[in-house]
Amino acid sequence: MANKKFENIPLGVLDLAPINKGSDAAQSFKNSVRLAQHVEELGFSRLWLAEHHNMPGIGSSATSVLIGHIAGQTERIRVGSGGVMLPNHAPLVIAEQFGTLESLYPGRIDLGLGRAPGSDQATAYALRRTLHSSGDEFPQQVEELQNYFSENPKGSVRAFPGTGLDVPLWLLGSSGFSAQLAAIKGLPFSFASHFAPDYTMQALQLYHQNFKPSAALKEPYAMVGVNVIAADTQERAEWLATSSQQQMFALMRGMPTHFQPPIDDLEAVWSPREISIFKEKLASESMIVGTPDVVREKLRNFILKTRANEVIVNSQIFHLEDRLRSYSIVGDMMD
């Protein structure tokens, strides 16, 4: 089945490989495989996995390993990182890992790069053994990584496999820094509107205004992330949305947990301020929650406003069948 589109825009999937309360990583990975096979049949363009660390509710910390597992269990859908947090790694290692993935699954691998640690400072130190490597060095790290993939890399160090392979690089961001860097380097840009909606339009404007054509890309190409929780009734969609909101509140409190089931009585669990934030999120453009008609209208408006070339959909839902149903609802909207 060819990739289908909504409003002439390809739709992708962001999977955080949630580890549910009462479950484990092994089940999370089985769920990710089932999700990938499901959205592949629906015609979604790509599925990306995100690097996070020291978070009991997210299972995609060894991102490249999980990408290989998902790619091996699917046939056509592109699989990639959304993203690999480059300051946590030596660029040579990432070149070798994704060179290996591209060699195994040619033409199906994406390498999205972020400059945040994907964790707290203590965890960043545990990953790097130093905090001297920071987001400030991100442009140089991207340049080094590009060199390893080039046909004629400079220097005596080569990435095998990696050298000469066509692994599409994307820069990811939640502010203007990566937007400007992607523009200057002529790379596709993906903005994390699903958790930084206030900066979306500013970042996209910076990207388009500063874009310089490159061998990789002749014109700007921007993807935006959006949360979508779709169900057959509005009440059920809003109930399902309480799981992702619990995850956000746990992070805000600095106490990340396993992914929690939906809750019935908000007042018994959340403070008045948190209930207010939840209701504000339900009304925002970055979290589309509702019936097929509601989702269709809000997703169309989101695309019209951002003028995105592509949208990547994050549906953090506790029960797998509800999650598959949410993506089915969105998939049914595609041409």
C-alpha atoms as a PDB file:
ATOM      1  CA  MET A   1       0.000   0.000   0.000  1.00  0.00           C
ATOM      2  CA  ALA A   2       1.390   3.396  -0.993  1.00  0.00           C
ATOM      3  CA  ASN A   3       1.742   6.138   1.592  1.00  0.00           C
ATOM      4  CA  LYS A   4      -1.525   7.994   1.983  1.00  0.00           C
ATOM      5  CA  LYS A   5      -1.958  11.643   2.878  1.00  0.00           C
ATOM      6  CA  PHE A   6      -4.299  13.943   4.787  1.00  0.00           C
ATOM      7  CA  GLU A   7      -4.913  17.263   3.009  1.00  0.00           C
ATOM      8  CA  ASN A   8      -2.028  16.308   0.671  1.00  0.00           C
ATOM      9  CA  ILE A   9       0.283  16.074   3.698  1.00  0.00           C
ATOM     10  CA  PRO A  10       2.044  12.804   4.638  1.00  0.00           C
ATOM     11  CA  LEU A  11       1.394  11.676   8.208  1.00  0.00           C
ATOM     12  CA  GLY A  12       3.945   9.843  10.348  1.00  0.00           C
ATOM     13  CA  VAL A  13       3.955   8.287  13.814  1.00  0.00           C
ATOM     14  CA  LEU A  14       6.034   9.141  16.880  1.00  0.00           C
ATOM     15  CA  ASP A  15       6.337   6.188  19.253  1.00  0.00           C
ATOM     16  CA  LEU A  16       7.792   6.672  22.743  1.00  0.00           C
ATOM     17  CA  ALA A  17       7.491   2.923  23.406  1.00  0.00           C
ATOM     18  CA  PRO A  18       5.481   3.510  26.594  1.00  0.00           C
ATOM     19  CA  ILE A  19       6.055   1.063  29.450  1.00  0.00           C
ATOM     20  CA  ASN A  20       2.689   0.775  31.160  1.00  0.00           C
ATOM     21  CA  LYS A  21       2.121   0.506  34.880  1.00  0.00           C
ATOM     22  CA  GLY A  22       2.065  -3.205  35.712  1.00  0.00           C
ATOM     23  CA  SER A  23       3.911  -4.111  32.517  1.00  0.00           C
ATOM     24  CA  ASP A  24       7.528  -4.183  31.320  1.00  0.00           C
ATOM     25  CA  ALA A  25       9.830  -3.275  28.424  1.00  0.00           C
ATOM     26  CA  ALA A  26       9.394  -6.648  26.720  1.00  0.00           C
ATOM     27  CA  GLN A  27       5.658  -6.036  26.355  1.00  0.00           C
ATOM     28  CA  SER A  28       6.299  -2.428  25.327  1.00  0.00           C
ATOM     29  CA  PHE A  29       8.426  -3.614  22.402  1.00  0.00           C
ATOM     30  CA  LYS A  30       5.770  -6.131  21.337  1.00  0.00           C
ATOM     31  CA  ASN A  31       3.261  -3.281  21.381  1.00  0.00           C
ATOM     32  CA  SER A  32       5.588  -1.109  19.280  1.00  0.00           C
ATOM     33  CA  VAL A  33       5.885  -3.847  16.675  1.00  0.00           C
ATOM     34  CA  ARG A  34       2.118  -4.255  16.528  1.00  0.00           C
ATOM     35  CA  LEU A  35       1.684  -0.497  16.240  1.00  0.00           C
ATOM     36  CA  ALA A  36       4.261  -0.271  13.438  1.00  0.00           C
ATOM     37  CA  GLN A  37       2.629  -3.052  11.452  1.00  0.00           C
ATOM     38  CA  HIS A  38      -0.774  -1.441  11.989  1.00  0.00           C
ATOM     39  CA  VAL A  39       0.196   2.051  10.812  1.00  0.00           C
ATOM     40  CA  GLU A  40       2.168   0.602   7.902  1.00  0.00           C
ATOM     41  CA  GLU A  41      -1.028  -1.000   6.626  1.00  0.00           C
ATOM     42  CA  LEU A  42      -2.910   2.258   7.178  1.00  0.00           C
ATOM     43  CA  GLY A  43      -0.441   4.085   4.926  1.00  0.00           C
ATOM     44  CA  PHE A  44       1.473   6.272   7.396  1.00  0.00           C
ATOM     45  CA  SER A  45       4.758   7.458   5.906  1.00  0.00           C
ATOM     46  CA  ARG A  46       7.207   6.797   8.748  1.00  0.00           C
ATOM     47  CA  LEU A  47       7.538   5.748  12.372  1.00  0.00           C
ATOM     48  CA  TRP A  48      10.095   7.440  14.612  1.00  0.00           C
ATOM     49  CA  LEU A  49      11.329   6.453  18.064  1.00  0.00           C
ATOM     50  CA  ALA A  50      12.690   8.946  20.578  1.00  0.00           C
ATOM     51  CA  GLU A  51      15.746   8.735  22.824  1.00  0.00           C
ATOM     52  CA  HIS A  52      14.949   9.292  26.508  1.00  0.00           C
ATOM     53  CA  HIS A  53      16.845   8.114  29.571  1.00  0.00           C
ATOM     54  CA  ASN A  54      16.092   7.490  33.251  1.00  0.00           C
ATOM     55  CA  MET A  55      12.340   7.515  32.537  1.00  0.00           C
ATOM     56  CA  PRO A  56      10.577   4.339  33.688  1.00  0.00           C
ATOM     57  CA  GLY A  57       7.618   4.971  31.382  1.00  0.00           C
ATOM     58  CA  ILE A  58       9.611   5.220  28.127  1.00  0.00           C
ATOM     59  CA  GLY A  59      11.325   2.187  26.620  1.00  0.00           C
ATOM     60  CA  SER A  60      13.156   3.661  23.621  1.00  0.00           C
ATOM     61  CA  SER A  61      16.451   4.564  25.325  1.00  0.00           C
ATOM     62  CA  ALA A  62      18.516   2.233  23.068  1.00  0.00           C
ATOM     63  CA  THR A  63      16.974   3.937  20.065  1.00  0.00           C
ATOM     64  CA  SER A  64      19.001   2.406  17.235  1.00  0.00           C
ATOM     65  CA  VAL A  65      18.485  -1.120  18.596  1.00  0.00           C
ATOM     66  CA  LEU A  66      14.719  -0.651  18.684  1.00  0.00           C
ATOM     67  CA  ILE A  67      14.720   0.926  15.204  1.00  0.00           C
ATOM     68  CA  GLY A  68      16.383  -2.217  13.871  1.00  0.00           C
ATOM     69  CA  HIS A  69      13.837  -4.424  15.624  1.00  0.00           C
ATOM     70  CA  ILE A  70      10.876  -2.460  14.233  1.00  0.00           C
ATOM     71  CA  ALA A  71      12.332  -2.288  10.723  1.00  0.00           C
ATOM     72  CA  GLY A  72      12.870  -6.039  10.791  1.00  0.00           C
ATOM     73  CA  GLN A  73       9.201  -6.640  11.651  1.00  0.00           C
ATOM     74  CA  THR A  74       7.815  -4.345   8.934  1.00  0.00           C
ATOM     75  CA  GLU A  75       8.192  -4.156   5.159  1.00  0.00           C
ATOM     76  CA  ARG A  76       7.729  -0.665   3.748  1.00  0.00           C
ATOM     77  CA  ILE A  77       7.326   2.043   6.359  1.00  0.00           C
ATOM     78  CA  ARG A  78      10.357   4.251   7.019  1.00  0.00           C
ATOM     79  CA  VAL A  79      11.730   3.838  10.543  1.00  0.00           C
ATOM     80  CA  GLY A  80      13.978   6.316  12.289  1.00  0.00           C
ATOM     81  CA  SER A  81      14.917   8.393  15.290  1.00  0.00           C
ATOM     82  CA  GLY A  82      12.904  11.300  16.519  1.00  0.00           C
ATOM     83  CA  GLY A  83      15.517  11.672  17.656  1.00  0.00           C
ATOM     84  CA  VAL A  84      18.970  10.597  18.642  1.00  0.00           C
ATOM     85  CA  MET A  85      20.351  13.123  21.132  1.00  0.00           C
ATOM     86  CA  LEU A  86      23.729  13.654  19.493  1.00  0.00           C
ATOM     87  CA  PRO A  87      25.561  15.262  22.466  1.00  0.00           C
ATOM     88  CA  ASN A  88      25.136  11.924  24.295  1.00  0.00           C
ATOM     89  CA  HIS A  89      27.138  10.040  21.662  1.00  0.00           C
ATOM     90  CA  ALA A  90      30.305  10.050  19.611  1.00  0.00           C
ATOM     91  CA  PRO A  91      29.251  10.944  16.044  1.00  0.00           C
ATOM     92  CA  LEU A  92      31.335   8.036  14.731  1.00  0.00           C
ATOM     93  CA  VAL A  93      29.270   5.565  16.773  1.00  0.00           C
ATOM     94  CA  ILE A  94      26.007   6.998  15.438  1.00  0.00           C
ATOM     95  CA  ALA A  95      27.377   6.876  11.874  1.00  0.00           C
ATOM     96  CA  GLU A  96      28.272   3.210  12.326  1.00  0.00           C
ATOM     97  CA  GLN A  97      24.928   2.342  13.945  1.00  0.00           C
ATOM     98  CA  PHE A  98      22.842   4.027  11.268  1.00  0.00           C
ATOM     99  CA  GLY A  99      25.171   2.868   8.530  1.00  0.00           C
ATOM    100  CA  THR A 100      24.449  -0.648   9.779  1.00  0.00           C
ATOM    101  CA  LEU A 101      20.689   0.014   9.848  1.00  0.00           C
ATOM    102  CA  GLU A 102      20.737   1.465   6.320  1.00  0.00           C
ATOM    103  CA  SER A 103      22.724  -1.544   5.090  1.00  0.00           C
ATOM    104  CA  LEU A 104      20.178  -3.917   6.627  1.00  0.00           C
ATOM    105  CA  TYR A 105      17.072  -1.974   5.549  1.00  0.00           C
ATOM    106  CA  PRO A 106      18.122   0.127   2.525  1.00  0.00           C
ATOM    107  CA  GLY A 107      15.989   3.155   1.756  1.00  0.00           C
ATOM    108  CA  ARG A 108      13.933   2.888   4.955  1.00  0.00           C
ATOM    109  CA  ILE A 109      16.049   4.527   7.681  1.00  0.00           C
ATOM    110  CA  ASP A 110      15.845   8.143   8.932  1.00  0.00           C
ATOM    111  CA  LEU A 111      18.279   9.808  11.328  1.00  0.00           C
ATOM    112  CA  GLY A 112      16.665  12.624  13.275  1.00  0.00           C
ATOM    113  CA  LEU A 113      19.086  14.500  15.540  1.00  0.00           C
ATOM    114  CA  GLY A 114      18.426  16.524  18.668  1.00  0.00           C
ATOM    115  CA  ARG A 115      20.754  18.546  20.868  1.00  0.00           C
ATOM    116  CA  ALA A 116      18.976  18.136  24.230  1.00  0.00           C
ATOM    117  CA  PRO A 117      20.205  15.434  26.625  1.00  0.00           C
ATOM    118  CA  GLY A 118      16.850  13.632  26.727  1.00  0.00           C
ATOM    119  CA  SER A 119      17.371  13.345  30.476  1.00  0.00           C
ATOM    120  CA  ASP A 120      18.462  15.204  33.603  1.00  0.00           C
ATOM    121  CA  GLN A 121      22.042  16.368  34.261  1.00  0.00           C
ATOM    122  CA  ALA A 122      22.988  13.401  36.432  1.00  0.00           C
ATOM    123  CA  THR A 123      21.848  11.013  33.721  1.00  0.00           C
ATOM    124  CA  ALA A 124      23.640  13.049  31.062  1.00  0.00           C
ATOM    125  CA  TYR A 125      26.845  12.683  33.087  1.00  0.00           C
ATOM    126  CA  ALA A 126      26.283   8.934  33.406  1.00  0.00           C
ATOM    127  CA  LEU A 127      25.930   8.729  29.620  1.00  0.00           C
ATOM    128  CA  ARG A 128      28.885  10.940  28.726  1.00  0.00           C
ATOM    129  CA  ARG A 129      31.200  10.695  31.781  1.00  0.00           C
ATOM    130  CA  THR A 130      31.596  14.440  31.360  1.00  0.00           C
ATOM    131  CA  LEU A 131      29.374  17.478  30.976  1.00  0.00           C
ATOM    132  CA  HIS A 132      31.830  19.264  28.691  1.00  0.00           C
ATOM    133  CA  SER A 133      29.903  17.898  25.713  1.00  0.00           C
ATOM    134  CA  SER A 134      26.849  20.123  25.404  1.00  0.00           C
ATOM    135  CA  GLY A 135      24.302  21.445  22.967  1.00  0.00           C
ATOM    136  CA  ASP A 136      26.701  24.272  22.139  1.00  0.00           C
ATOM    137  CA  GLU A 137      28.847  21.784  20.206  1.00  0.00           C
ATOM    138  CA  PHE A 138      25.885  20.425  18.287  1.00  0.00           C
ATOM    139  CA  PRO A 139      26.720  22.165  14.960  1.00  0.00           C
ATOM    140  CA  GLN A 140      30.243  20.710  14.988  1.00  0.00           C
ATOM    141  CA  GLN A 141      28.894  17.257  15.877  1.00  0.00           C
ATOM    142  CA  VAL A 142      26.405  17.385  12.989  1.00  0.00           C
ATOM    143  CA  GLU A 143      29.217  18.420  10.655  1.00  0.00           C
ATOM    144  CA  GLU A 144      31.361  15.512  11.855  1.00  0.00           C
ATOM    145  CA  LEU A 145      28.488  13.078  11.370  1.00  0.00           C
ATOM    146  CA  GLN A 146      27.824  14.352   7.849  1.00  0.00           C
ATOM    147  CA  ASN A 147      31.491  13.851   7.032  1.00  0.00           C
ATOM    148  CA  TYR A 148      31.324  10.183   8.039  1.00  0.00           C
ATOM    149  CA  PHE A 149      28.415   9.601   5.633  1.00  0.00           C
ATOM    150  CA  SER A 150      30.032  11.477   2.712  1.00  0.00           C
ATOM    151  CA  GLU A 151      31.491   9.737  -0.342  1.00  0.00           C
ATOM    152  CA  ASN A 152      34.945  11.145   0.351  1.00  0.00           C
ATOM    153  CA  PRO A 153      35.243  11.830   4.088  1.00  0.00           C
ATOM    154  CA  LYS A 154      38.003  14.076   5.353  1.00  0.00           C
ATOM    155  CA  GLY A 155      40.528  12.726   7.830  1.00  0.00           C
ATOM    156  CA  SER A 156      41.822   9.241   8.494  1.00  0.00           C
ATOM    157  CA  VAL A 157      38.770   7.901  10.391  1.00  0.00           C
ATOM    158  CA  ARG A 158      36.012   6.194   8.405  1.00  0.00           C
ATOM    159  CA  ALA A 159      32.624   4.796   9.404  1.00  0.00           C
ATOM    160  CA  PHE A 160      32.255   1.203   8.218  1.00  0.00           C
ATOM    161  CA  PRO A 161      29.436   0.771   7.407  1.00  0.00           C
ATOM    162  CA  GLY A 162      28.422   4.376   6.886  1.00  0.00           C
ATOM    163  CA  THR A 163      30.741   5.975   4.339  1.00  0.00           C
ATOM    164  CA  GLY A 164      28.874   6.896   1.170  1.00  0.00           C
ATOM    165  CA  LEU A 165      25.466   5.754   2.409  1.00  0.00           C
ATOM    166  CA  ASP A 166      22.384   7.879   1.870  1.00  0.00           C
ATOM    167  CA  VAL A 167      20.936   8.169   5.385  1.00  0.00           C
ATOM    168  CA  PRO A 168      18.608  11.203   5.456  1.00  0.00           C
ATOM    169  CA  LEU A 169      19.514  13.577   8.300  1.00  0.00           C
ATOM    170  CA  TRP A 170      16.844  15.650  10.008  1.00  0.00           C
ATOM    171  CA  LEU A 171      17.395  18.274  12.677  1.00  0.00           C
ATOM    172  CA  LEU A 172      14.861  18.283  15.501  1.00  0.00           C
ATOM    173  CA  GLY A 173      14.099  21.129  17.844  1.00  0.00           C
ATOM    174  CA  SER A 174      11.759  22.814  20.294  1.00  0.00           C
ATOM    175  CA  SER A 175      13.252  26.302  19.872  1.00  0.00           C
ATOM    176  CA  GLY A 176      14.857  28.443  17.194  1.00  0.00           C
ATOM    177  CA  PHE A 177      18.409  27.070  17.503  1.00  0.00           C
ATOM    178  CA  SER A 178      17.985  23.888  15.456  1.00  0.00           C
ATOM    179  CA  ALA A 179      15.578  25.668  13.099  1.00  0.00           C
ATOM    180  CA  GLN A 180      18.302  28.115  12.088  1.00  0.00           C
ATOM    181  CA  LEU A 181      20.958  25.400  11.929  1.00  0.00           C
ATOM    182  CA  ALA A 182      18.761  23.221   9.714  1.00  0.00           C
ATOM    183  CA  ALA A 183      18.142  26.206   7.465  1.00  0.00           C
ATOM    184  CA  ILE A 184      21.824  27.090   7.162  1.00  0.00           C
ATOM    185  CA  LYS A 185      22.794  23.485   6.425  1.00  0.00           C
ATOM    186  CA  GLY A 186      19.901  22.930   4.024  1.00  0.00           C
ATOM    187  CA  LEU A 187      18.437  20.004   5.973  1.00  0.00           C
ATOM    188  CA  PRO A 188      14.834  19.012   6.715  1.00  0.00           C
ATOM    189  CA  PHE A 189      13.570  20.266  10.055  1.00  0.00           C
ATOM    190  CA  SER A 190      11.140  18.714  12.519  1.00  0.00           C
ATOM    191  CA  PHE A 191       9.645  20.890  15.252  1.00  0.00           C
ATOM    192  CA  ALA A 192       8.344  19.402  18.513  1.00  0.00           C
ATOM    193  CA  SER A 193       5.061  21.283  18.503  1.00  0.00           C
ATOM    194  CA  HIS A 194       3.526  18.469  20.542  1.00  0.00           C
ATOM    195  CA  PHE A 195       5.356  19.722  23.661  1.00  0.00           C
ATOM    196  CA  ALA A 196       6.560  23.245  22.725  1.00  0.00           C
ATOM    197  CA  PRO A 197       3.556  24.720  20.893  1.00  0.00           C
ATOM    198  CA  ASP A 198       4.262  28.334  21.844  1.00  0.00           C
ATOM    199  CA  TYR A 199       7.440  28.424  19.729  1.00  0.00           C
ATOM    200  CA  THR A 200       6.113  26.592  16.674  1.00  0.00           C
ATOM    201  CA  MET A 201       5.409  29.495  14.342  1.00  0.00           C
ATOM    202  CA  GLN A 202       8.558  31.393  15.335  1.00  0.00           C
ATOM    203  CA  ALA A 203      10.774  28.380  14.690  1.00  0.00           C
ATOM    204  CA  LEU A 204       9.152  27.572  11.345  1.00  0.00           C
ATOM    205  CA  GLN A 205       9.508  31.190  10.254  1.00  0.00           C
ATOM    206  CA  LEU A 206      13.208  31.178  11.150  1.00  0.00           C
ATOM    207  CA  TYR A 207      13.683  27.967   9.196  1.00  0.00           C
ATOM    208  CA  HIS A 208      11.972  29.226   6.036  1.00  0.00           C
ATOM    209  CA  GLN A 209      13.539  32.678   6.110  1.00  0.00           C
ATOM    210  CA  ASN A 210      17.101  31.406   6.521  1.00  0.00           C
ATOM    211  CA  PHE A 211      16.991  28.275   4.357  1.00  0.00           C
ATOM    212  CA  LYS A 212      19.892  27.709   1.978  1.00  0.00           C
ATOM    213  CA  PRO A 213      19.631  24.977  -0.674  1.00  0.00           C
ATOM    214  CA  SER A 214      22.034  22.070  -0.310  1.00  0.00           C
ATOM    215  CA  ALA A 215      22.871  18.768  -1.968  1.00  0.00           C
ATOM    216  CA  ALA A 216      20.413  17.169   0.449  1.00  0.00           C
ATOM    217  CA  LEU A 217      17.507  19.541  -0.074  1.00  0.00           C
ATOM    218  CA  LYS A 218      16.657  22.207  -2.644  1.00  0.00           C
ATOM    219  CA  GLU A 219      13.708  23.748  -0.806  1.00  0.00           C
ATOM    220  CA  PRO A 220      12.707  23.904   2.876  1.00  0.00           C
ATOM    221  CA  TYR A 221      10.917  20.850   4.226  1.00  0.00           C
ATOM    222  CA  ALA A 222       9.340  21.098   7.665  1.00  0.00           C
ATOM    223  CA  MET A 223       7.613  18.478   9.767  1.00  0.00           C
ATOM    224  CA  VAL A 224       5.630  19.331  12.896  1.00  0.00           C
ATOM    225  CA  GLY A 225       4.633  17.091  15.788  1.00  0.00           C
ATOM    226  CA  VAL A 226       1.121  17.002  17.177  1.00  0.00           C
ATOM    227  CA  ASN A 227      -0.624  14.999  19.892  1.00  0.00           C
ATOM    228  CA  VAL A 228      -3.745  13.225  18.665  1.00  0.00           C
ATOM    229  CA  ILE A 229      -6.031  11.139  20.868  1.00  0.00           C
ATOM    230  CA  ALA A 230      -9.017  10.029  18.848  1.00  0.00           C
ATOM    231  CA  ALA A 231     -11.932   7.873  19.968  1.00  0.00           C
ATOM    232  CA  ASP A 232     -15.505   7.188  18.934  1.00  0.00           C
ATOM    233  CA  THR A 233     -16.872   9.540  21.593  1.00  0.00           C
ATOM    234  CA  GLN A 234     -15.580  12.817  22.993  1.00  0.00           C
ATOM    235  CA  GLU A 235     -15.887  11.543  26.551  1.00  0.00           C
ATOM    236  CA  ARG A 236     -13.732   8.501  25.905  1.00  0.00           C
ATOM    237  CA  ALA A 237     -11.091  10.536  24.069  1.00  0.00           C
ATOM    238  CA  GLU A 238     -10.814  12.969  26.991  1.00  0.00           C
ATOM    239  CA  TRP A 239     -10.641  10.046  29.440  1.00  0.00           C
ATOM    240  CA  LEU A 240      -7.841   8.428  27.421  1.00  0.00           C
ATOM    241  CA  ALA A 241      -5.993  11.751  27.352  1.00  0.00           C
ATOM    242  CA  THR A 242      -5.557  11.705  31.135  1.00  0.00           C
ATOM    243  CA  SER A 243      -2.760   9.128  30.772  1.00  0.00           C
ATOM    244  CA  SER A 244      -0.502  11.387  28.717  1.00  0.00           C
ATOM    245  CA  GLN A 245      -1.342  14.273  31.014  1.00  0.00           C
ATOM    246  CA  GLN A 246      -0.319  12.239  34.063  1.00  0.00           C
ATOM    247  CA  GLN A 247       3.003  11.579  32.339  1.00  0.00           C
ATOM    248  CA  MET A 248       3.508  15.308  31.771  1.00  0.00           C
ATOM    249  CA  PHE A 249       2.649  16.192  35.371  1.00  0.00           C
ATOM    250  CA  ALA A 250       5.024  13.515  36.687  1.00  0.00           C
ATOM    251  CA  LEU A 251       7.847  15.047  34.633  1.00  0.00           C
ATOM    252  CA  MET A 252       6.932  18.535  35.864  1.00  0.00           C
ATOM    253  CA  ARG A 253       7.223  17.262  39.442  1.00  0.00           C
ATOM    254  CA  GLY A 254      10.566  15.608  38.687  1.00  0.00           C
ATOM    255  CA  MET A 255       9.110  12.192  39.520  1.00  0.00           C
ATOM    256  CA  PRO A 256       8.732  10.242  36.255  1.00  0.00           C
ATOM    257  CA  THR A 257       6.742   7.019  36.557  1.00  0.00           C
ATOM    258  CA  HIS A 258       5.549   4.144  34.424  1.00  0.00           C
ATOM    259  CA  PHE A 259       2.836   5.152  31.971  1.00  0.00           C
ATOM    260  CA  GLN A 260      -0.379   5.357  33.966  1.00  0.00           C
ATOM    261  CA  PRO A 261      -3.913   4.165  33.112  1.00  0.00           C
ATOM    262  CA  PRO A 262      -6.613   6.793  32.554  1.00  0.00           C
ATOM    263  CA  ILE A 263      -8.323   8.263  35.599  1.00  0.00           C
ATOM    264  CA  ASP A 264     -12.019   8.924  36.187  1.00  0.00           C
ATOM    265  CA  ASP A 265     -12.010  11.543  38.943  1.00  0.00           C
ATOM    266  CA  LEU A 266      -9.536  14.323  38.209  1.00  0.00           C
ATOM    267  CA  GLU A 267     -10.233  16.120  41.478  1.00  0.00           C
ATOM    268  CA  ALA A 268      -9.268  13.049  43.507  1.00  0.00           C
ATOM    269  CA  VAL A 269      -5.812  12.928  41.916  1.00  0.00           C
ATOM    270  CA  TRP A 270      -4.878  16.371  40.587  1.00  0.00           C
ATOM    271  CA  SER A 271      -4.637  19.815  42.086  1.00  0.00           C
ATOM    272  CA  PRO A 272      -6.935  22.595  40.798  1.00  0.00           C
ATOM    273  CA  ARG A 273      -3.947  24.032  38.906  1.00  0.00           C
ATOM    274  CA  GLU A 274      -3.277  20.707  37.177  1.00  0.00           C
ATOM    275  CA  ILE A 275      -6.941  20.328  36.227  1.00  0.00           C
ATOM    276  CA  SER A 276      -6.793  23.819  34.750  1.00  0.00           C
ATOM    277  CA  ILE A 277      -3.677  22.904  32.733  1.00  0.00           C
ATOM    278  CA  PHE A 278      -5.376  19.739  31.475  1.00  0.00           C
ATOM    279  CA  LYS A 279      -8.441  21.637  30.273  1.00  0.00           C
ATOM    280  CA  GLU A 280      -6.206  24.258  28.666  1.00  0.00           C
ATOM    281  CA  LYS A 281      -4.334  21.471  26.835  1.00  0.00           C
ATOM    282  CA  LEU A 282      -7.617  20.038  25.557  1.00  0.00           C
ATOM    283  CA  ALA A 283      -8.356  23.398  23.963  1.00  0.00           C
ATOM    284  CA  SER A 284      -4.871  23.894  22.515  1.00  0.00           C
ATOM    285  CA  GLU A 285      -3.700  23.243  18.967  1.00  0.00           C
ATOM    286  CA  SER A 286      -0.901  20.942  20.109  1.00  0.00           C
ATOM    287  CA  MET A 287      -3.217  18.332  21.657  1.00  0.00           C
ATOM    288  CA  ILE A 288      -6.095  17.222  19.473  1.00  0.00           C
ATOM    289  CA  VAL A 289      -8.547  15.141  21.497  1.00  0.00           C
ATOM    290  CA  GLY A 290     -11.926  13.989  20.325  1.00  0.00           C
ATOM    291  CA  THR A 291     -14.164  12.216  17.850  1.00  0.00           C
ATOM    292  CA  PRO A 292     -13.252  11.677  14.194  1.00  0.00           C
ATOM    293  CA  ASP A 293     -15.029  14.900  13.197  1.00  0.00           C
ATOM    294  CA  VAL A 294     -13.246  16.931  15.889  1.00  0.00           C
ATOM    295  CA  VAL A 295      -9.867  15.455  15.016  1.00  0.00           C
ATOM    296  CA  ARG A 296     -10.363  16.013  11.284  1.00  0.00           C
ATOM    297  CA  GLU A 297     -11.247  19.682  11.727  1.00  0.00           C
ATOM    298  CA  LYS A 298      -8.486  20.460  14.234  1.00  0.00           C
ATOM    299  CA  LEU A 299      -5.825  18.574  12.309  1.00  0.00           C
ATOM    300  CA  ARG A 300      -6.802  20.396   9.112  1.00  0.00           C
ATOM    301  CA  ASN A 301      -6.592  23.757  10.897  1.00  0.00           C
ATOM    302  CA  PHE A 302      -3.220  22.826  12.404  1.00  0.00           C
ATOM    303  CA  ILE A 303      -1.817  21.998   8.963  1.00  0.00           C
ATOM    304  CA  LEU A 304      -3.229  25.182   7.422  1.00  0.00           C
ATOM    305  CA  LYS A 305      -1.730  27.317  10.172  1.00  0.00           C
ATOM    306  CA  THR A 306       1.741  25.760  10.179  1.00  0.00           C
ATOM    307  CA  ARG A 307       1.928  25.114   6.413  1.00  0.00           C
ATOM    308  CA  ALA A 308       3.838  21.981   7.332  1.00  0.00           C
ATOM    309  CA  ASN A 309       5.128  19.665   4.623  1.00  0.00           C
ATOM    310  CA  GLU A 310       4.532  16.691   6.901  1.00  0.00           C
ATOM    311  CA  VAL A 311       2.977  15.941  10.300  1.00  0.00           C
ATOM    312  CA  ILE A 312       4.126  13.356  12.839  1.00  0.00           C
ATOM    313  CA  VAL A 313       1.427  12.161  15.217  1.00  0.00           C
ATOM    314  CA  ASN A 314       2.058  11.247  18.849  1.00  0.00           C
ATOM    315  CA  SER A 315      -0.739   9.212  20.462  1.00  0.00           C
ATOM    316  CA  GLN A 316       0.210   8.341  24.031  1.00  0.00           C
ATOM    317  CA  ILE A 317      -2.625   6.032  25.051  1.00  0.00           C
ATOM    318  CA  PHE A 318      -2.486   3.405  27.799  1.00  0.00           C
ATOM    319  CA  HIS A 319      -4.493   0.556  26.286  1.00  0.00           C
ATOM    320  CA  LEU A 320      -2.985  -0.754  23.046  1.00  0.00           C
ATOM    321  CA  GLU A 321      -6.335  -1.395  21.384  1.00  0.00           C
ATOM    322  CA  ASP A 322      -7.388   2.212  22.076  1.00  0.00           C
ATOM    323  CA  ARG A 323      -4.067   3.410  20.674  1.00  0.00           C
ATOM    324  CA  LEU A 324      -4.491   1.358  17.502  1.00  0.00           C
ATOM    325  CA  ARG A 325      -8.059   2.634  17.183  1.00  0.00           C
ATOM    326  CA  SER A 326      -6.857   6.241  17.486  1.00  0.00           C
ATOM    327  CA  TYR A 327      -4.409   5.762  14.625  1.00  0.00           C
ATOM    328  CA  SER A 328      -7.097   3.956  12.615  1.00  0.00           C
ATOM    329  CA  ILE A 329      -9.359   6.990  12.959  1.00  0.00           C
ATOM    330  CA  VAL A 330      -6.592   9.266  11.688  1.00  0.00           C
ATOM    331  CA  GLY A 331      -5.665   6.754   8.980  1.00  0.00           C
ATOM    332  CA  ASP A 332      -9.262   6.701   7.723  1.00  0.00           C
ATOM    333  CA  MET A 333      -8.969  10.443   7.081  1.00  0.00           C
ATOM    334  CA  MET A 334      -6.090  10.007   4.650  1.00  0.00           C
ATOM    335  CA  ASP A 335      -6.731   9.986   0.919  1.00  0.00           C
END
